[in-house]
Protein backbone atom coordinates (compact mmCIF):
# COMPACT_ATOMS: atom_id res chain seq x y z
CA UNK A 1 119.47 103.24 139.77
CA UNK A 2 121.21 100.15 141.07
CA UNK A 3 117.88 98.48 141.89
CA UNK A 4 117.16 97.52 138.26
CA UNK A 5 118.82 95.30 135.67
CA UNK A 6 118.19 96.63 132.17
CA UNK A 7 117.44 94.09 129.44
CA UNK A 8 117.21 94.96 125.74
CA UNK A 9 115.45 92.14 123.95
CA UNK A 10 115.67 91.22 120.25
CA UNK A 11 112.71 91.48 117.89
CA UNK A 12 110.21 88.65 117.85
CA UNK A 13 110.06 86.03 115.08
CA UNK A 14 106.98 87.52 113.37
CA UNK A 15 108.77 90.88 113.00
CA UNK A 16 110.75 91.06 109.76
CA UNK A 17 111.99 94.02 107.71
CA UNK A 18 112.46 92.74 104.18
CA UNK A 19 115.84 93.48 102.65
CA UNK A 20 117.46 95.40 105.49
CA UNK A 21 117.18 92.54 107.98
CA UNK A 22 119.03 90.20 105.64
CA UNK A 23 122.25 91.95 106.72
CA UNK A 24 121.70 92.97 110.35
CA UNK A 25 119.19 92.82 113.23
CA UNK A 26 116.68 95.65 113.58
CA UNK A 27 118.59 97.11 116.52
CA UNK A 28 121.53 97.76 114.18
CA UNK A 29 119.44 99.56 111.53
CA UNK A 30 120.63 103.03 110.62
CA UNK A 31 118.13 105.62 111.85
CA UNK A 32 118.01 109.28 110.81
CA UNK A 33 121.42 108.88 109.18
CA UNK A 34 123.33 109.15 112.44
CA UNK A 35 121.83 106.74 114.96
CA UNK A 36 121.06 103.04 115.21
CA UNK A 37 117.69 101.86 116.52
CA UNK A 38 119.25 100.27 119.60
CA UNK A 39 120.66 103.67 120.64
CA UNK A 40 117.21 104.65 121.91
CA UNK A 41 116.58 101.89 124.50
CA UNK A 42 120.22 102.03 125.61
CA UNK A 43 120.10 105.82 125.99
CA UNK A 44 116.83 105.54 127.93
CA UNK A 45 118.48 103.14 130.34
CA UNK A 46 121.67 105.18 130.65
CA UNK A 47 119.78 108.44 131.20
CA UNK A 48 117.60 106.67 133.80
CA UNK A 49 120.66 105.69 135.80
CA UNK A 50 120.60 101.98 134.96
CA UNK A 51 124.21 100.79 135.18
CA UNK A 52 123.86 97.08 134.43
CA UNK A 53 122.46 96.25 131.00
CA UNK A 54 122.11 93.01 129.06
CA UNK A 55 121.55 93.03 125.30
CA UNK A 56 120.14 89.84 123.78
CA UNK A 57 120.98 89.13 120.15
CA UNK A 58 120.10 86.23 117.90
CA UNK A 59 120.58 86.52 114.12
CA UNK A 60 123.55 88.13 112.33
CA UNK A 61 124.73 90.14 115.34
CA UNK A 62 128.08 91.31 113.91
CA UNK A 63 127.03 94.88 113.06
CA UNK A 64 125.21 95.21 116.38
CA UNK A 65 128.28 94.05 118.32
CA UNK A 66 130.52 96.43 116.38
CA UNK A 67 128.24 99.39 117.03
CA UNK A 68 127.66 98.76 120.74
CA UNK A 69 131.31 97.91 121.43
CA UNK A 70 132.19 98.32 125.10
CA UNK A 71 129.21 100.61 125.65
CA UNK A 72 131.46 103.50 126.65
CA UNK A 73 129.69 105.92 124.29
CA UNK A 74 126.39 105.30 126.12
CA UNK A 75 127.70 107.10 129.22
CA UNK A 76 127.48 103.98 131.35
CA UNK A 77 129.50 104.21 134.57
CA UNK A 78 132.88 102.77 133.60
CA UNK A 79 133.79 101.68 137.14
CA UNK A 80 130.53 100.26 138.45
CA UNK A 81 128.48 99.74 135.30
CA UNK A 82 128.45 96.86 132.85
CA UNK A 83 127.00 96.29 129.39
CA UNK A 84 126.88 92.64 128.41
CA UNK A 85 126.00 91.22 124.97
CA UNK A 86 124.36 87.79 125.25
CA UNK A 87 123.50 85.25 122.58
CA UNK A 88 121.23 82.26 122.21
CA UNK A 89 123.62 79.31 122.27
CA UNK A 90 121.22 76.60 121.18
CA UNK A 91 121.58 75.33 117.62
CA UNK A 92 118.03 76.06 116.48
CA UNK A 93 117.04 74.12 113.36
CA UNK A 94 113.61 75.77 113.16
CA UNK A 95 113.24 79.53 113.74
CA UNK A 96 109.97 79.03 115.62
CA UNK A 97 112.10 77.89 118.59
CA UNK A 98 114.15 81.10 118.49
CA UNK A 99 112.16 82.85 121.23
CA UNK A 100 113.08 85.35 123.91
CA UNK A 101 112.34 82.72 126.54
CA UNK A 102 114.86 80.36 124.91
CA UNK A 103 117.48 83.12 124.99
CA UNK A 104 116.80 83.81 128.67
CA UNK A 105 117.04 80.10 129.53
CA UNK A 106 120.39 79.83 127.72
CA UNK A 107 121.73 82.78 129.71
CA UNK A 108 119.99 82.19 133.01
CA UNK A 109 123.25 82.19 134.95
CA UNK A 110 123.88 85.82 134.00
CA UNK A 111 120.39 86.84 135.10
CA UNK A 112 120.66 84.99 138.41
CA UNK A 113 124.11 86.43 139.15
CA UNK A 114 122.92 90.03 138.87
CA UNK A 115 122.31 91.55 142.28
CA UNK A 116 119.49 93.92 141.26
CA UNK A 117 116.02 93.40 142.72
CA UNK A 118 114.08 94.44 139.59
CA UNK A 119 114.33 94.00 135.82
CA UNK A 120 113.29 96.55 133.21
CA UNK A 121 112.88 94.98 129.78
CA UNK A 122 112.69 97.04 126.58
CA UNK A 123 112.55 96.05 122.89
CA UNK A 124 115.25 96.72 120.30
CA UNK A 125 112.76 97.44 117.49
CA UNK A 126 110.86 100.40 118.97
CA UNK A 127 111.95 104.04 118.96
CA UNK A 128 110.79 106.13 121.91
CA UNK A 129 112.12 107.96 124.96
CA UNK A 130 111.09 107.30 128.55
CA UNK A 131 112.46 107.81 132.04
CA UNK A 132 112.68 104.30 133.44
CA UNK A 133 113.52 105.58 136.93
CA UNK A 134 110.07 107.20 137.10
CA UNK A 135 108.54 104.03 135.64
CA UNK A 136 110.20 101.92 138.33
CA UNK A 137 109.02 104.29 141.05
CA UNK A 138 105.45 104.08 139.73
CA UNK A 139 105.70 100.28 139.73
CA UNK A 140 107.01 100.13 143.30
CA UNK A 141 104.37 102.52 144.63
CA UNK A 142 101.54 100.62 142.92
CA UNK A 143 102.67 97.36 144.57
CA UNK A 144 101.81 95.60 141.30
CA UNK A 145 103.48 92.34 140.30
CA UNK A 146 104.20 93.51 136.74
CA UNK A 147 103.95 96.87 135.03
CA UNK A 148 103.55 97.06 131.25
CA UNK A 149 103.97 100.18 129.14
CA UNK A 150 101.48 101.00 126.39
CA UNK A 151 100.82 103.80 123.91
CA UNK A 152 97.25 104.73 122.91
CA UNK A 153 96.81 105.24 119.15
CA UNK A 154 93.91 106.01 116.84
CA UNK A 155 95.38 104.46 113.67
CA UNK A 156 95.55 100.82 114.74
CA UNK A 157 93.61 99.65 111.68
CA UNK A 158 96.49 100.42 109.33
CA UNK A 159 99.50 100.70 111.67
CA UNK A 160 101.19 98.65 114.42
CA UNK A 161 99.73 95.45 112.92
CA UNK A 162 102.66 93.31 114.07
CA UNK A 163 102.39 94.60 117.63
CA UNK A 164 100.46 93.38 120.65
CA UNK A 165 97.77 95.39 122.41
CA UNK A 166 96.68 95.62 126.04
CA UNK A 167 93.09 95.20 127.13
CA UNK A 168 92.69 97.30 130.27
CA UNK A 169 90.00 97.76 132.88
CA UNK A 170 89.06 101.18 134.29
CA UNK A 171 91.81 100.94 136.91
CA UNK A 172 94.47 100.33 134.21
CA UNK A 173 94.68 96.68 135.18
CA UNK A 174 95.75 94.42 132.30
CA UNK A 175 93.03 91.92 131.39
CA UNK A 176 94.85 90.37 128.44
CA UNK A 177 97.56 90.82 125.81
CA UNK A 178 96.39 90.30 122.24
CA UNK A 179 97.80 90.77 118.74
CA UNK A 180 96.61 93.84 116.87
CA UNK A 181 94.48 92.45 114.06
CA UNK A 182 93.53 95.84 112.61
CA UNK A 183 89.90 95.41 113.66
CA UNK A 184 89.58 98.69 115.57
CA UNK A 185 90.79 102.24 115.11
CA UNK A 186 91.77 102.90 118.74
CA UNK A 187 94.06 100.50 120.59
CA UNK A 188 96.54 100.46 123.46
CA UNK A 189 99.73 99.33 121.73
CA UNK A 190 101.91 97.26 124.04
CA UNK A 191 105.46 98.60 123.83
CA UNK A 192 107.10 95.32 124.88
CA UNK A 193 108.37 97.13 127.98
CA UNK A 194 108.09 95.44 131.38
CA UNK A 195 108.97 96.11 135.01
CA UNK A 196 108.94 93.33 137.60
CA UNK A 197 111.01 91.80 140.35
CA UNK A 198 113.86 89.67 139.09
CA UNK A 199 112.66 86.64 141.06
CA UNK A 200 109.26 86.84 139.36
CA UNK A 201 110.95 87.21 135.97
CA UNK A 202 112.91 84.00 136.55
CA UNK A 203 109.77 82.25 137.76
CA UNK A 204 107.91 83.23 134.58
CA UNK A 205 110.76 81.97 132.40
CA UNK A 206 110.66 78.59 134.17
CA UNK A 207 106.86 78.37 133.82
CA UNK A 208 106.99 79.22 130.12
CA UNK A 209 109.66 76.58 129.50
CA UNK A 210 107.48 73.92 131.14
CA UNK A 211 104.35 74.89 129.19
CA UNK A 212 105.78 75.10 125.68
CA UNK A 213 109.10 75.40 123.85
CA UNK A 214 107.45 78.03 121.65
CA UNK A 215 106.25 80.29 124.47
CA UNK A 216 107.35 83.94 124.51
CA UNK A 217 107.44 86.39 127.39
CA UNK A 218 104.23 88.20 126.31
CA UNK A 219 102.44 84.84 126.15
CA UNK A 220 103.42 83.72 129.64
CA UNK A 221 102.58 87.17 131.06
CA UNK A 222 99.21 87.01 129.31
CA UNK A 223 98.59 83.58 130.82
CA UNK A 224 99.17 85.07 134.29
CA UNK A 225 96.77 88.02 133.96
CA UNK A 226 94.19 86.38 136.24
CA UNK A 227 96.76 85.23 138.78
CA UNK A 228 98.97 88.32 139.09
CA UNK A 229 98.40 92.02 139.58
CA UNK A 230 99.49 93.41 136.21
CA UNK A 231 99.11 97.14 135.57
CA UNK A 232 99.43 99.31 132.49
CA UNK A 233 101.28 102.64 132.39
CA UNK A 234 100.68 105.03 129.49
CA UNK A 235 103.52 106.44 127.41
CA UNK A 236 103.24 109.87 125.82
CA UNK A 237 105.41 111.30 123.11
CA UNK A 238 106.84 109.84 119.93
CA UNK A 239 106.61 106.10 119.23
CA UNK A 240 107.74 104.17 116.17
CA UNK A 241 107.56 100.40 115.94
CA UNK A 242 109.84 99.06 113.21
CA UNK A 243 108.22 95.78 112.30
CA UNK A 244 108.34 95.83 108.49
CA UNK A 245 109.94 97.76 105.65
CA UNK A 246 107.19 100.37 105.35
CA UNK A 247 107.25 101.18 109.07
CA UNK A 248 111.02 101.73 108.88
CA UNK A 249 110.62 104.05 105.91
CA UNK A 250 107.75 105.99 107.50
CA UNK A 251 109.45 106.33 110.90
CA UNK A 252 112.54 107.92 109.37
CA UNK A 253 110.71 110.34 107.07
CA UNK A 254 108.24 111.37 109.77
CA UNK A 255 111.10 112.83 111.82
CA UNK A 256 112.18 115.22 109.08
CA UNK A 257 109.37 117.44 110.35
CA UNK A 258 110.75 119.60 113.18
CA UNK A 259 107.57 119.47 115.29
CA UNK A 260 107.51 115.67 115.13
CA UNK A 261 111.23 115.46 115.84
CA UNK A 262 110.82 117.64 118.94
CA UNK A 263 108.46 115.04 120.42
CA UNK A 264 111.35 112.53 120.41
CA UNK A 265 114.52 114.54 121.00
CA UNK A 266 115.14 116.61 124.11
CA UNK A 267 118.34 118.43 125.08
CA UNK A 268 117.87 117.17 128.63
CA UNK A 269 117.57 113.57 127.41
CA UNK A 270 120.47 112.94 125.00
CA UNK A 271 120.45 110.02 122.59
CA UNK A 272 123.94 108.51 122.60
CA UNK A 273 125.52 106.77 119.65
CA UNK A 274 128.89 105.64 118.40
CA UNK A 275 130.75 108.69 117.17
CA UNK A 276 132.27 108.93 113.73
CA UNK A 277 135.02 111.50 113.31
CA UNK A 278 134.77 112.79 109.78
CA UNK A 279 134.77 116.11 108.00
CA UNK A 280 131.62 118.23 107.59
CA UNK A 281 129.47 117.66 104.55
CA UNK A 282 130.70 119.53 101.47
CA UNK A 283 128.00 121.29 99.44
CA UNK A 284 129.23 122.15 95.94
CA UNK A 285 128.04 125.06 93.84
CA UNK A 286 124.66 124.18 92.39
CA UNK A 287 123.72 121.80 95.22
CA UNK A 288 120.16 122.19 96.46
CA UNK A 289 119.07 120.66 99.77
CA UNK A 290 115.75 121.32 101.51
CA UNK A 291 113.62 119.64 104.18
CA UNK A 292 116.26 116.94 104.69
CA UNK A 293 118.59 115.50 107.29
CA UNK A 294 122.15 115.19 106.00
CA UNK A 295 124.89 113.50 108.05
CA UNK A 296 128.54 114.45 108.15
CA UNK A 297 131.19 113.36 105.66
CA UNK A 298 128.99 113.64 102.55
CA UNK A 299 129.60 115.42 99.25
CA UNK A 300 126.49 116.95 97.71
CA UNK A 301 126.46 118.26 94.15
CA UNK A 302 122.87 117.43 93.23
CA UNK A 303 119.41 118.02 94.71
CA UNK A 304 118.10 116.49 97.95
CA UNK A 305 114.49 116.99 99.07
CA UNK A 306 112.59 115.51 102.03
CA UNK A 307 115.20 112.80 102.45
CA UNK A 308 117.70 111.41 104.93
CA UNK A 309 121.32 111.08 103.86
CA UNK A 310 123.65 108.88 105.93
CA UNK A 311 127.32 109.44 106.68
CA UNK A 312 129.81 109.52 103.82
CA UNK A 313 127.32 109.49 100.96
CA UNK A 314 128.11 110.98 97.55
CA UNK A 315 125.37 112.74 95.55
CA UNK A 316 126.79 113.58 92.13
CA UNK A 317 125.99 116.55 89.89
CA UNK A 318 122.48 116.54 88.46
CA UNK A 319 121.30 113.76 90.79
CA UNK A 320 117.87 114.17 92.39
CA UNK A 321 116.92 112.49 95.69
CA UNK A 322 113.31 112.80 96.87
CA UNK A 323 111.46 111.16 99.77
CA UNK A 324 114.26 108.64 100.20
CA UNK A 325 116.63 107.22 102.80
CA UNK A 326 120.22 106.87 101.64
CA UNK A 327 122.27 104.78 104.05
CA UNK A 328 125.96 105.46 104.80
CA UNK A 329 128.54 105.14 102.04
CA UNK A 330 126.09 105.02 99.13
CA UNK A 331 126.90 106.75 95.84
CA UNK A 332 124.24 108.30 93.62
CA UNK A 333 125.69 109.03 90.17
CA UNK A 334 125.28 111.96 87.81
CA UNK A 335 121.73 112.75 86.66
CA UNK A 336 120.27 109.80 88.60
CA UNK A 337 116.74 110.32 89.98
CA UNK A 338 115.92 108.34 93.13
CA UNK A 339 112.47 108.77 94.67
CA UNK A 340 110.61 106.89 97.43
CA UNK A 341 113.44 104.43 98.03
CA UNK A 342 115.75 103.08 100.70
CA UNK A 343 119.27 102.70 99.35
CA UNK A 344 121.33 100.41 101.57
CA UNK A 345 124.96 100.91 102.62
CA UNK A 346 127.68 101.16 99.94
CA UNK A 347 125.23 100.74 97.07
CA UNK A 348 126.21 102.53 93.86
CA UNK A 349 123.60 103.78 91.39
CA UNK A 350 125.22 105.15 88.25
CA UNK A 351 123.94 103.45 85.07
CA UNK A 352 120.18 103.38 85.64
CA UNK A 353 119.03 106.99 85.60
CA UNK A 354 115.57 106.71 87.15
CA UNK A 355 114.52 104.62 90.18
CA UNK A 356 111.10 105.64 91.45
CA UNK A 357 108.79 103.99 93.95
CA UNK A 358 105.63 105.24 95.63
CA UNK A 359 105.01 106.43 99.20
CA UNK A 360 102.68 103.47 99.69
CA UNK A 361 105.19 100.99 98.27
CA UNK A 362 108.74 102.35 98.62
CA UNK A 363 111.54 100.51 96.85
CA UNK A 364 114.76 99.02 98.19
CA UNK A 365 118.28 98.85 96.75
CA UNK A 366 120.27 96.17 98.52
CA UNK A 367 123.58 96.60 100.30
CA UNK A 368 126.68 96.99 98.06
CA UNK A 369 124.55 96.62 94.93
CA UNK A 370 125.71 98.10 91.62
CA UNK A 371 123.00 99.52 89.38
């Protein structure tokens, strides 16, 4: 699909995952033990035939850069394709100026140099699958100026509170983009996914820059709803928006269920990630694992239930892990009970024997901590 330039945007300033985001951007978060969150938009683009992709990064991008690498593991055409990591080069004293528009302005030369007619923009903090080639075809046939993707939900009062919503007319025309304030049960959650011509994209960036240094892409698109033909296209299937700690925890644990997982993963639509060559997980005598996702390279001597265990973790004899997410390289010592927690990479829990949170308020053990 040489007609489209793929852009993966960073999370917006009001999106913050406490603890985890202190060490890496949301796109670099471990997901289901094996993947990173950014694997999903990049795999969507690769599977859709998009060969030219730009990834925008702002804060603490090291782990994201290491994971993405050259992009070879995303099955991007090595001869014709290109995956380019771009950064905001302005020294921003106040984070309110760290907007997507500012990042696009700083890298405008790379956008203008691309020869594609259209741009497809996707967020790095949402997990979903979608065929962007079909989306582009729908956009072209509709003759709309901009196409936005949304997902209809019936739990908007308590979920997706950091997301925007689309107000649509009966013809699926977008009347406005508004923040979800939790005032209604049913909402059309805007998935921060856009299709438009590249020339219009550049024009919107220039308009936003003239109006306000704080403007974001959703704001300038919202301001153009009366001037442009902006349409909404519904997404069906699994959607997770990782906008805070609880949403990260819930998104991971929800996919332990096979029926839920089958709404995201499809053999015909592979999710690519950076491979890690390590030995299979070793289950010792007395180990008990049920309703869990366990990655390779682990040693399990204790009990694991309804949890996700990342690569290379060690669960010692007598340890009990319930309803928890253990990130790669963590060690859970003998007779330690961890429940309703996220344990970050390389943490080691050996001396404290009981760490228990609640499903409504899960706990967090920071990276490389010793407890």
